[in-house]
Amino acid sequence: MTMLNLSDHIVAVAKQNNLPITNLQLQKVMYFVIKDYLSKNGQDEFIKNIYDDPFETWQYGPVVPDLYFRFSIFGSTPIRIEGNYNEEYKVFDSSISKFLTENVFDLVKKSHEQSFWIENQKNKSEKVEYALGDITGD
């Protein structure tokens, strides 16, 4: 269970629902799916085990750098892999579907309204990692 597995699961859910997903969109969907999960369940072992590669404060909101670079070959076009559906992650499916249908720039805007991102944009040259508590604002 890792962020890589979560990203593959999100891509698979997008493909199953015939929804295109870009790299930017994937980053925002991952962030808000985790945020939703944390607000409902707190920092349980399940989410702690998944969150092995933290988001950083980038210009367009939270980004997991390794995953960003993994999917950067697609540029701003939809990701053209099938992903890998993971039964253990089906708990995220309704949130994934919800966020996949939102405009990606609305998600960017929402991510810029989060206190951790706002607080860490003072020094834009330094990217700061999010702890799980930073995602929920705890």
C-alpha atoms as a PDB file:
ATOM      1  CA  MET A   1       0.000   0.000   0.000  1.00  0.00           C
ATOM      2  CA  THR A   2       1.650   3.152  -1.217  1.00  0.00           C
ATOM      3  CA  MET A   3       1.032   6.455  -2.949  1.00  0.00           C
ATOM      4  CA  LEU A   4       2.211   4.804  -6.184  1.00  0.00           C
ATOM      5  CA  ASN A   5      -0.501   2.162  -5.767  1.00  0.00           C
ATOM      6  CA  LEU A   6      -3.051   4.876  -5.006  1.00  0.00           C
ATOM      7  CA  SER A   7      -2.120   6.792  -8.153  1.00  0.00           C
ATOM      8  CA  ASP A   8      -2.460   3.619 -10.247  1.00  0.00           C
ATOM      9  CA  HIS A   9      -5.823   2.926  -8.613  1.00  0.00           C
ATOM     10  CA  ILE A  10      -7.092   6.439  -9.390  1.00  0.00           C
ATOM     11  CA  VAL A  11      -6.025   6.113 -13.037  1.00  0.00           C
ATOM     12  CA  ALA A  12      -7.806   2.734 -13.215  1.00  0.00           C
ATOM     13  CA  VAL A  13     -11.012   4.208 -11.759  1.00  0.00           C
ATOM     14  CA  ALA A  14     -10.840   7.050 -14.279  1.00  0.00           C
ATOM     15  CA  LYS A  15     -10.439   4.568 -17.163  1.00  0.00           C
ATOM     16  CA  GLN A  16     -13.295   2.364 -15.858  1.00  0.00           C
ATOM     17  CA  ASN A  17     -15.555   5.423 -15.882  1.00  0.00           C
ATOM     18  CA  ASN A  18     -14.321   6.615 -19.305  1.00  0.00           C
ATOM     19  CA  LEU A  19     -13.005   9.823 -17.762  1.00  0.00           C
ATOM     20  CA  PRO A  20      -9.753  11.379 -18.940  1.00  0.00           C
ATOM     21  CA  ILE A  21      -7.220  12.198 -16.234  1.00  0.00           C
ATOM     22  CA  THR A  22      -4.168  14.439 -16.595  1.00  0.00           C
ATOM     23  CA  ASN A  23      -1.099  14.509 -14.384  1.00  0.00           C
ATOM     24  CA  LEU A  24      -2.238  17.759 -12.738  1.00  0.00           C
ATOM     25  CA  GLN A  25      -5.676  16.293 -12.154  1.00  0.00           C
ATOM     26  CA  LEU A  26      -4.202  13.099 -10.695  1.00  0.00           C
ATOM     27  CA  GLN A  27      -2.220  15.132  -8.157  1.00  0.00           C
ATOM     28  CA  LYS A  28      -5.277  17.085  -7.025  1.00  0.00           C
ATOM     29  CA  VAL A  29      -7.545  14.018  -6.925  1.00  0.00           C
ATOM     30  CA  MET A  30      -4.961  12.172  -4.786  1.00  0.00           C
ATOM     31  CA  TYR A  31      -4.769  15.112  -2.391  1.00  0.00           C
ATOM     32  CA  PHE A  32      -8.513  15.568  -1.959  1.00  0.00           C
ATOM     33  CA  VAL A  33      -9.205  11.832  -1.756  1.00  0.00           C
ATOM     34  CA  ILE A  34      -6.732  11.568   1.115  1.00  0.00           C
ATOM     35  CA  LYS A  35      -8.160  14.716   2.713  1.00  0.00           C
ATOM     36  CA  ASP A  36     -11.682  13.222   2.538  1.00  0.00           C
ATOM     37  CA  TYR A  37     -10.497   9.930   3.991  1.00  0.00           C
ATOM     38  CA  LEU A  38      -8.705  11.677   6.864  1.00  0.00           C
ATOM     39  CA  SER A  39     -11.742  13.815   7.693  1.00  0.00           C
ATOM     40  CA  LYS A  40     -13.880  10.662   8.019  1.00  0.00           C
ATOM     41  CA  ASN A  41     -11.396   8.207   9.551  1.00  0.00           C
ATOM     42  CA  GLY A  42      -8.497  10.155  11.020  1.00  0.00           C
ATOM     43  CA  GLN A  43      -4.911   8.995  10.773  1.00  0.00           C
ATOM     44  CA  ASP A  44      -5.444   5.249  10.984  1.00  0.00           C
ATOM     45  CA  GLU A  45      -2.849   2.638  10.018  1.00  0.00           C
ATOM     46  CA  PHE A  46      -4.406   2.166   6.576  1.00  0.00           C
ATOM     47  CA  ILE A  47      -3.778   5.756   5.464  1.00  0.00           C
ATOM     48  CA  LYS A  48      -0.424   5.967   7.272  1.00  0.00           C
ATOM     49  CA  ASN A  49       0.772   2.948   5.262  1.00  0.00           C
ATOM     50  CA  ILE A  50      -0.364   4.512   1.992  1.00  0.00           C
ATOM     51  CA  TYR A  51       1.160   7.937   2.633  1.00  0.00           C
ATOM     52  CA  ASP A  52       4.779   6.888   2.056  1.00  0.00           C
ATOM     53  CA  ASP A  53       5.661   9.648  -0.414  1.00  0.00           C
ATOM     54  CA  PRO A  54       4.489  13.073   0.794  1.00  0.00           C
ATOM     55  CA  PHE A  55       2.972  15.934  -1.122  1.00  0.00           C
ATOM     56  CA  GLU A  56       5.007  19.117  -1.482  1.00  0.00           C
ATOM     57  CA  THR A  57       3.841  22.718  -1.838  1.00  0.00           C
ATOM     58  CA  TRP A  58       4.153  23.402  -5.558  1.00  0.00           C
ATOM     59  CA  GLN A  59       2.836  26.309  -7.627  1.00  0.00           C
ATOM     60  CA  TYR A  60      -0.389  24.507  -8.570  1.00  0.00           C
ATOM     61  CA  GLY A  61      -0.962  23.060  -5.105  1.00  0.00           C
ATOM     62  CA  PRO A  62       0.096  19.774  -3.498  1.00  0.00           C
ATOM     63  CA  VAL A  63       2.224  17.474  -5.662  1.00  0.00           C
ATOM     64  CA  VAL A  64       3.959  14.150  -5.016  1.00  0.00           C
ATOM     65  CA  PRO A  65       7.171  14.807  -6.991  1.00  0.00           C
ATOM     66  CA  ASP A  66       8.047  11.185  -7.837  1.00  0.00           C
ATOM     67  CA  LEU A  67       4.556  10.565  -9.185  1.00  0.00           C
ATOM     68  CA  TYR A  68       4.480  13.880 -11.004  1.00  0.00           C
ATOM     69  CA  PHE A  69       7.675  12.958 -12.860  1.00  0.00           C
ATOM     70  CA  ARG A  70       6.427   9.414 -13.498  1.00  0.00           C
ATOM     71  CA  PHE A  71       3.407  10.770 -15.383  1.00  0.00           C
ATOM     72  CA  SER A  72       5.083  13.881 -16.845  1.00  0.00           C
ATOM     73  CA  ILE A  73       5.698  12.030 -20.118  1.00  0.00           C
ATOM     74  CA  PHE A  74       2.044  12.749 -20.906  1.00  0.00           C
ATOM     75  CA  GLY A  75       2.450  16.504 -20.430  1.00  0.00           C
ATOM     76  CA  SER A  76      -0.958  18.153 -20.065  1.00  0.00           C
ATOM     77  CA  THR A  77      -2.711  15.465 -22.120  1.00  0.00           C
ATOM     78  CA  PRO A  78      -4.665  12.606 -20.528  1.00  0.00           C
ATOM     79  CA  ILE A  79      -2.631   9.766 -19.024  1.00  0.00           C
ATOM     80  CA  ARG A  80      -2.594   6.880 -21.492  1.00  0.00           C
ATOM     81  CA  ILE A  81      -2.069   3.892 -19.222  1.00  0.00           C
ATOM     82  CA  GLU A  82      -4.767   1.672 -17.773  1.00  0.00           C
ATOM     83  CA  GLY A  83      -3.680   1.890 -14.150  1.00  0.00           C
ATOM     84  CA  ASN A  84      -4.151  -0.952 -11.705  1.00  0.00           C
ATOM     85  CA  TYR A  85      -7.383  -1.327  -9.776  1.00  0.00           C
ATOM     86  CA  ASN A  86      -6.686  -2.347  -6.173  1.00  0.00           C
ATOM     87  CA  GLU A  87      -9.549  -3.845  -4.132  1.00  0.00           C
ATOM     88  CA  GLU A  88      -7.958  -2.567  -0.919  1.00  0.00           C
ATOM     89  CA  TYR A  89      -8.440   0.979  -2.213  1.00  0.00           C
ATOM     90  CA  LYS A  90     -12.118   0.680  -3.165  1.00  0.00           C
ATOM     91  CA  VAL A  91     -12.898   2.719  -0.038  1.00  0.00           C
ATOM     92  CA  PHE A  92     -11.676   5.720  -2.080  1.00  0.00           C
ATOM     93  CA  ASP A  93     -13.794   5.066  -5.187  1.00  0.00           C
ATOM     94  CA  SER A  94     -16.703   7.406  -4.443  1.00  0.00           C
ATOM     95  CA  SER A  95     -14.341  10.277  -3.603  1.00  0.00           C
ATOM     96  CA  ILE A  96     -12.262   9.535  -6.689  1.00  0.00           C
ATOM     97  CA  SER A  97     -15.346   9.628  -8.913  1.00  0.00           C
ATOM     98  CA  LYS A  98     -16.502  12.886  -7.317  1.00  0.00           C
ATOM     99  CA  PHE A  99     -13.177  14.670  -7.781  1.00  0.00           C
ATOM    100  CA  LEU A 100     -12.611  13.324 -11.301  1.00  0.00           C
ATOM    101  CA  THR A 101     -15.724  15.198 -12.436  1.00  0.00           C
ATOM    102  CA  GLU A 102     -14.620  18.522 -10.927  1.00  0.00           C
ATOM    103  CA  ASN A 103     -12.748  21.063 -13.011  1.00  0.00           C
ATOM    104  CA  VAL A 104      -9.042  20.613 -12.319  1.00  0.00           C
ATOM    105  CA  PHE A 105      -8.492  24.358 -11.882  1.00  0.00           C
ATOM    106  CA  ASP A 106     -11.301  24.473  -9.306  1.00  0.00           C
ATOM    107  CA  LEU A 107      -9.375  21.770  -7.436  1.00  0.00           C
ATOM    108  CA  VAL A 108      -6.174  23.810  -7.762  1.00  0.00           C
ATOM    109  CA  LYS A 109      -8.020  26.823  -6.359  1.00  0.00           C
ATOM    110  CA  LYS A 110      -9.392  24.750  -3.458  1.00  0.00           C
ATOM    111  CA  SER A 111      -5.912  23.431  -2.701  1.00  0.00           C
ATOM    112  CA  HIS A 112      -4.628  27.023  -2.577  1.00  0.00           C
ATOM    113  CA  GLU A 113      -7.254  27.784   0.084  1.00  0.00           C
ATOM    114  CA  GLN A 114      -5.819  25.181   2.472  1.00  0.00           C
ATOM    115  CA  SER A 115      -3.959  26.706   5.414  1.00  0.00           C
ATOM    116  CA  PHE A 116      -0.762  24.654   5.020  1.00  0.00           C
ATOM    117  CA  TRP A 117      -0.328  25.698   1.382  1.00  0.00           C
ATOM    118  CA  ILE A 118      -1.027  29.363   2.224  1.00  0.00           C
ATOM    119  CA  GLU A 119       1.422  29.375   5.141  1.00  0.00           C
ATOM    120  CA  ASN A 120       4.192  27.844   3.057  1.00  0.00           C
ATOM    121  CA  GLN A 121       3.888  30.078   0.010  1.00  0.00           C
ATOM    122  CA  LYS A 122       5.781  32.885   1.722  1.00  0.00           C
ATOM    123  CA  ASN A 123       9.020  31.373   0.448  1.00  0.00           C
ATOM    124  CA  LYS A 124       7.967  30.107  -2.981  1.00  0.00           C
ATOM    125  CA  SER A 125      11.440  28.864  -3.872  1.00  0.00           C
ATOM    126  CA  GLU A 126      11.311  26.206  -1.140  1.00  0.00           C
ATOM    127  CA  LYS A 127       8.938  23.274  -1.479  1.00  0.00           C
ATOM    128  CA  VAL A 128       7.690  22.038   1.880  1.00  0.00           C
ATOM    129  CA  GLU A 129       6.458  18.490   2.562  1.00  0.00           C
ATOM    130  CA  TYR A 130       2.980  17.847   3.939  1.00  0.00           C
ATOM    131  CA  ALA A 131       2.588  15.572   6.954  1.00  0.00           C
ATOM    132  CA  LEU A 132      -0.803  13.825   7.149  1.00  0.00           C
ATOM    133  CA  GLY A 133      -1.926  16.329   9.791  1.00  0.00           C
ATOM    134  CA  ASP A 134      -1.114  19.180   7.397  1.00  0.00           C
ATOM    135  CA  ILE A 135      -3.587  17.795   4.880  1.00  0.00           C
ATOM    136  CA  THR A 136      -6.447  17.961   7.372  1.00  0.00           C
ATOM    137  CA  GLY A 137      -5.288  21.150   9.013  1.00  0.00           C
ATOM    138  CA  ASP A 138      -4.726  19.386  12.353  1.00  0.00           C
END
